[in-house]
N, C-alpha and C. Protein backbone atom coordinates (compact mmCIF):
# COMPACT_ATOMS: atom_id res chain seq x y z
N MET A 1 102.84 -101.30 -39.13
CA MET A 1 103.48 -100.06 -39.54
C MET A 1 102.41 -99.13 -40.11
N ALA A 2 102.62 -97.86 -39.86
CA ALA A 2 101.66 -96.87 -40.35
C ALA A 2 102.39 -95.57 -40.64
N TRP A 3 101.75 -94.70 -41.40
CA TRP A 3 102.34 -93.40 -41.72
C TRP A 3 101.22 -92.41 -41.96
N SER A 4 101.58 -91.15 -41.89
CA SER A 4 100.60 -90.10 -42.18
C SER A 4 101.32 -88.84 -42.62
N ILE A 5 100.57 -87.96 -43.26
CA ILE A 5 101.07 -86.66 -43.68
C ILE A 5 100.16 -85.61 -43.07
N ASN A 6 100.77 -84.56 -42.52
CA ASN A 6 99.97 -83.52 -41.90
C ASN A 6 100.64 -82.18 -42.13
N ASP A 7 99.91 -81.11 -41.91
CA ASP A 7 100.46 -79.77 -42.16
C ASP A 7 101.03 -79.10 -40.90
N ASN A 8 101.11 -79.82 -39.78
CA ASN A 8 101.73 -79.27 -38.57
C ASN A 8 102.46 -80.38 -37.82
N LEU A 9 103.21 -80.00 -36.79
CA LEU A 9 104.03 -80.98 -36.07
C LEU A 9 103.59 -81.21 -34.63
N THR A 10 102.33 -81.00 -34.33
CA THR A 10 101.87 -81.24 -32.96
C THR A 10 101.82 -82.74 -32.69
N THR A 11 101.98 -83.09 -31.43
CA THR A 11 101.91 -84.50 -31.03
C THR A 11 100.58 -85.11 -31.42
N GLU A 12 99.52 -84.39 -31.14
CA GLU A 12 98.18 -84.91 -31.40
C GLU A 12 97.95 -85.20 -32.89
N SER A 13 98.36 -84.30 -33.75
CA SER A 13 98.06 -84.49 -35.17
C SER A 13 99.05 -85.39 -35.89
N THR A 14 100.30 -85.41 -35.46
CA THR A 14 101.28 -86.22 -36.20
C THR A 14 101.43 -87.63 -35.67
N ILE A 15 101.39 -87.80 -34.38
CA ILE A 15 101.69 -89.09 -33.80
C ILE A 15 100.42 -89.83 -33.37
N ILE A 16 99.67 -89.21 -32.52
CA ILE A 16 98.58 -89.91 -31.84
C ILE A 16 97.38 -90.16 -32.74
N SER A 17 96.76 -89.10 -33.22
CA SER A 17 95.50 -89.27 -33.95
C SER A 17 95.69 -89.96 -35.28
N GLU A 18 96.86 -89.85 -35.85
CA GLU A 18 97.08 -90.44 -37.17
C GLU A 18 97.67 -91.83 -37.07
N TRP A 19 98.97 -91.93 -37.01
CA TRP A 19 99.58 -93.24 -37.21
C TRP A 19 99.67 -94.13 -36.00
N TRP A 20 99.74 -93.61 -34.76
CA TRP A 20 99.84 -94.51 -33.60
C TRP A 20 98.59 -95.39 -33.51
N TYR A 21 97.42 -94.77 -33.55
CA TYR A 21 96.19 -95.57 -33.45
C TYR A 21 95.96 -96.41 -34.70
N MET A 22 96.42 -95.94 -35.85
CA MET A 22 96.32 -96.75 -37.06
C MET A 22 97.18 -98.01 -36.91
N ALA A 23 98.38 -97.86 -36.39
CA ALA A 23 99.29 -99.00 -36.21
C ALA A 23 98.76 -99.96 -35.15
N VAL A 24 98.28 -99.44 -34.05
CA VAL A 24 97.77 -100.29 -32.97
C VAL A 24 96.50 -101.00 -33.40
N LYS A 25 95.67 -100.33 -34.18
CA LYS A 25 94.42 -100.95 -34.65
C LYS A 25 94.71 -102.14 -35.55
N SER A 26 95.72 -102.03 -36.40
CA SER A 26 96.01 -103.11 -37.34
C SER A 26 97.00 -104.14 -36.78
N ASN A 27 97.62 -103.84 -35.63
CA ASN A 27 98.58 -104.76 -35.00
C ASN A 27 98.35 -104.76 -33.50
N VAL A 28 97.54 -105.67 -33.02
CA VAL A 28 97.23 -105.73 -31.60
C VAL A 28 98.50 -106.11 -30.83
N ILE A 29 98.80 -105.37 -29.79
CA ILE A 29 100.02 -105.60 -29.01
C ILE A 29 99.73 -106.63 -27.93
N ILE A 30 100.29 -107.84 -28.10
CA ILE A 30 100.07 -108.91 -27.13
C ILE A 30 101.37 -109.37 -26.47
N GLU A 31 102.50 -108.92 -27.00
CA GLU A 31 103.78 -109.23 -26.37
C GLU A 31 104.65 -107.98 -26.40
N GLU A 32 105.71 -107.98 -25.62
CA GLU A 32 106.54 -106.80 -25.46
C GLU A 32 107.17 -106.36 -26.79
N ILE A 33 107.08 -105.06 -27.08
CA ILE A 33 107.71 -104.49 -28.26
C ILE A 33 108.54 -103.28 -27.86
N ILE A 34 109.45 -102.89 -28.72
CA ILE A 34 110.25 -101.69 -28.51
C ILE A 34 109.85 -100.68 -29.56
N PHE A 35 109.48 -99.49 -29.11
CA PHE A 35 109.15 -98.39 -30.01
C PHE A 35 110.35 -97.46 -30.03
N HIS A 36 111.09 -97.43 -31.13
CA HIS A 36 112.28 -96.60 -31.24
C HIS A 36 112.00 -95.39 -32.13
N SER A 37 112.44 -94.22 -31.68
CA SER A 37 112.24 -93.01 -32.46
C SER A 37 113.36 -92.02 -32.17
N GLU A 38 113.34 -90.94 -32.90
CA GLU A 38 114.25 -89.83 -32.61
C GLU A 38 113.74 -89.07 -31.39
N ARG A 39 114.49 -88.09 -30.94
CA ARG A 39 114.12 -87.32 -29.75
C ARG A 39 113.28 -86.10 -30.10
N ALA A 40 112.44 -86.17 -31.06
CA ALA A 40 111.57 -85.04 -31.42
C ALA A 40 110.56 -84.80 -30.30
N SER A 41 110.11 -83.58 -30.20
CA SER A 41 109.20 -83.21 -29.11
C SER A 41 107.90 -84.02 -29.12
N GLN A 42 107.46 -84.46 -30.29
CA GLN A 42 106.23 -85.26 -30.36
C GLN A 42 106.39 -86.58 -29.61
N TYR A 43 107.57 -87.20 -29.71
CA TYR A 43 107.80 -88.51 -29.09
C TYR A 43 108.14 -88.42 -27.61
N THR A 44 108.56 -87.25 -27.15
CA THR A 44 108.94 -87.09 -25.74
C THR A 44 107.89 -86.32 -24.94
N SER A 45 106.79 -85.96 -25.58
CA SER A 45 105.74 -85.21 -24.90
C SER A 45 105.06 -86.08 -23.83
N TYR A 46 104.51 -85.42 -22.82
CA TYR A 46 103.78 -86.14 -21.78
C TYR A 46 102.61 -86.91 -22.38
N THR A 47 101.95 -86.31 -23.34
CA THR A 47 100.79 -86.96 -23.96
C THR A 47 101.17 -88.30 -24.56
N PHE A 48 102.23 -88.32 -25.36
CA PHE A 48 102.63 -89.57 -26.01
C PHE A 48 103.24 -90.56 -25.04
N THR A 49 104.10 -90.11 -24.13
CA THR A 49 104.71 -91.04 -23.18
C THR A 49 103.66 -91.67 -22.26
N ASN A 50 102.61 -90.93 -21.95
CA ASN A 50 101.52 -91.52 -21.15
C ASN A 50 100.77 -92.60 -21.93
N ILE A 51 100.64 -92.42 -23.23
CA ILE A 51 100.02 -93.47 -24.05
C ILE A 51 100.89 -94.72 -24.04
N ILE A 52 102.19 -94.54 -24.19
CA ILE A 52 103.13 -95.67 -24.15
C ILE A 52 103.00 -96.40 -22.80
N LYS A 53 102.96 -95.65 -21.72
CA LYS A 53 102.86 -96.24 -20.38
C LYS A 53 101.53 -96.97 -20.17
N SER A 54 100.49 -96.58 -20.88
CA SER A 54 99.18 -97.19 -20.70
C SER A 54 99.12 -98.64 -21.18
N TYR A 55 100.15 -99.11 -21.85
CA TYR A 55 100.18 -100.48 -22.35
C TYR A 55 100.80 -101.45 -21.35
N ASP A 56 100.87 -101.08 -20.08
CA ASP A 56 101.32 -101.95 -18.99
C ASP A 56 102.63 -102.67 -19.29
N ASP A 57 103.62 -101.90 -19.66
CA ASP A 57 104.97 -102.42 -19.93
C ASP A 57 105.09 -103.31 -21.17
N LEU A 58 104.06 -103.37 -22.00
CA LEU A 58 104.18 -104.11 -23.26
C LEU A 58 104.94 -103.30 -24.30
N VAL A 59 104.90 -101.97 -24.18
CA VAL A 59 105.61 -101.10 -25.12
C VAL A 59 106.73 -100.40 -24.37
N LYS A 60 107.96 -100.64 -24.81
CA LYS A 60 109.12 -99.97 -24.23
C LYS A 60 109.56 -98.89 -25.21
N GLN A 61 109.76 -97.69 -24.71
CA GLN A 61 110.16 -96.59 -25.59
C GLN A 61 111.68 -96.50 -25.62
N SER A 62 112.22 -96.38 -26.82
CA SER A 62 113.65 -96.23 -27.03
C SER A 62 113.86 -94.98 -27.88
N LEU A 63 114.78 -94.13 -27.46
CA LEU A 63 115.04 -92.89 -28.18
C LEU A 63 116.49 -92.85 -28.63
N ASN A 64 116.73 -92.18 -29.75
CA ASN A 64 118.10 -91.93 -30.19
C ASN A 64 118.89 -91.28 -29.07
N ARG A 65 120.18 -91.53 -29.06
CA ARG A 65 121.03 -90.81 -28.12
C ARG A 65 121.06 -89.35 -28.55
N LYS A 66 121.17 -88.47 -27.59
CA LYS A 66 121.16 -87.04 -27.87
C LYS A 66 122.27 -86.68 -28.86
N GLY A 67 121.88 -86.05 -29.95
CA GLY A 67 122.83 -85.60 -30.96
C GLY A 67 123.37 -86.70 -31.86
N ASN A 68 122.83 -87.92 -31.76
CA ASN A 68 123.31 -89.03 -32.58
C ASN A 68 122.19 -89.51 -33.50
N TYR A 69 122.17 -88.99 -34.70
CA TYR A 69 121.09 -89.32 -35.63
C TYR A 69 121.36 -90.61 -36.40
N TRP A 70 122.48 -91.27 -36.14
CA TRP A 70 122.81 -92.52 -36.82
C TRP A 70 122.19 -93.72 -36.13
N ASP A 71 121.58 -93.54 -34.97
CA ASP A 71 120.99 -94.66 -34.26
C ASP A 71 119.98 -95.43 -35.12
N ASN A 72 119.19 -94.72 -35.91
CA ASN A 72 118.20 -95.39 -36.74
C ASN A 72 118.82 -96.06 -37.97
N ALA A 73 120.01 -95.69 -38.34
CA ALA A 73 120.63 -96.23 -39.55
C ALA A 73 120.80 -97.74 -39.47
N VAL A 74 121.22 -98.26 -38.34
CA VAL A 74 121.40 -99.70 -38.18
C VAL A 74 120.07 -100.42 -38.28
N ALA A 75 119.05 -99.90 -37.60
CA ALA A 75 117.72 -100.51 -37.66
C ALA A 75 117.18 -100.49 -39.08
N ASP A 76 117.34 -99.37 -39.78
CA ASP A 76 116.88 -99.27 -41.17
C ASP A 76 117.61 -100.26 -42.07
N PHE A 77 118.90 -100.41 -41.87
CA PHE A 77 119.70 -101.35 -42.67
C PHE A 77 119.16 -102.77 -42.52
N PHE A 78 118.98 -103.23 -41.27
CA PHE A 78 118.52 -104.60 -41.05
C PHE A 78 117.07 -104.80 -41.48
N LEU A 79 116.25 -103.77 -41.37
CA LEU A 79 114.87 -103.87 -41.86
C LEU A 79 114.85 -104.09 -43.37
N LYS A 80 115.65 -103.30 -44.08
CA LYS A 80 115.72 -103.47 -45.54
C LYS A 80 116.29 -104.83 -45.90
N LEU A 81 117.30 -105.27 -45.18
CA LEU A 81 117.91 -106.56 -45.43
C LEU A 81 116.90 -107.68 -45.19
N LYS A 82 116.17 -107.57 -44.09
CA LYS A 82 115.17 -108.57 -43.74
C LYS A 82 114.06 -108.66 -44.79
N LYS A 83 113.66 -107.52 -45.33
CA LYS A 83 112.60 -107.49 -46.34
C LYS A 83 113.12 -107.82 -47.73
N GLY A 84 114.43 -108.02 -47.87
CA GLY A 84 114.99 -108.39 -49.15
C GLY A 84 114.99 -107.25 -50.15
N MET A 85 115.02 -106.01 -49.67
CA MET A 85 114.97 -104.86 -50.56
C MET A 85 116.35 -104.35 -50.92
N GLY A 86 117.37 -104.99 -50.43
CA GLY A 86 118.70 -104.48 -50.69
C GLY A 86 118.99 -103.30 -49.79
N VAL A 87 120.17 -102.78 -49.90
CA VAL A 87 120.57 -101.68 -49.03
C VAL A 87 120.91 -100.47 -49.83
């Protein structure tokens, strides 16, 4: 897991150069994973989707359904439960 703070919302500055490579550097991808995100332009850009595709089907991209922002709520709930942080 990784995070970053930036002063703009470009794909390059928010997703790729900051946290994607930070996450991949600290967690080598050796088995299939699902990358789930909202439908923001950074996650659906050609630049980012080409990076996802470069992992030879090890990374599957999953996006929220259009107009449904509750998709992440279930994942967040189980993540907190799994980590024992309560809900």
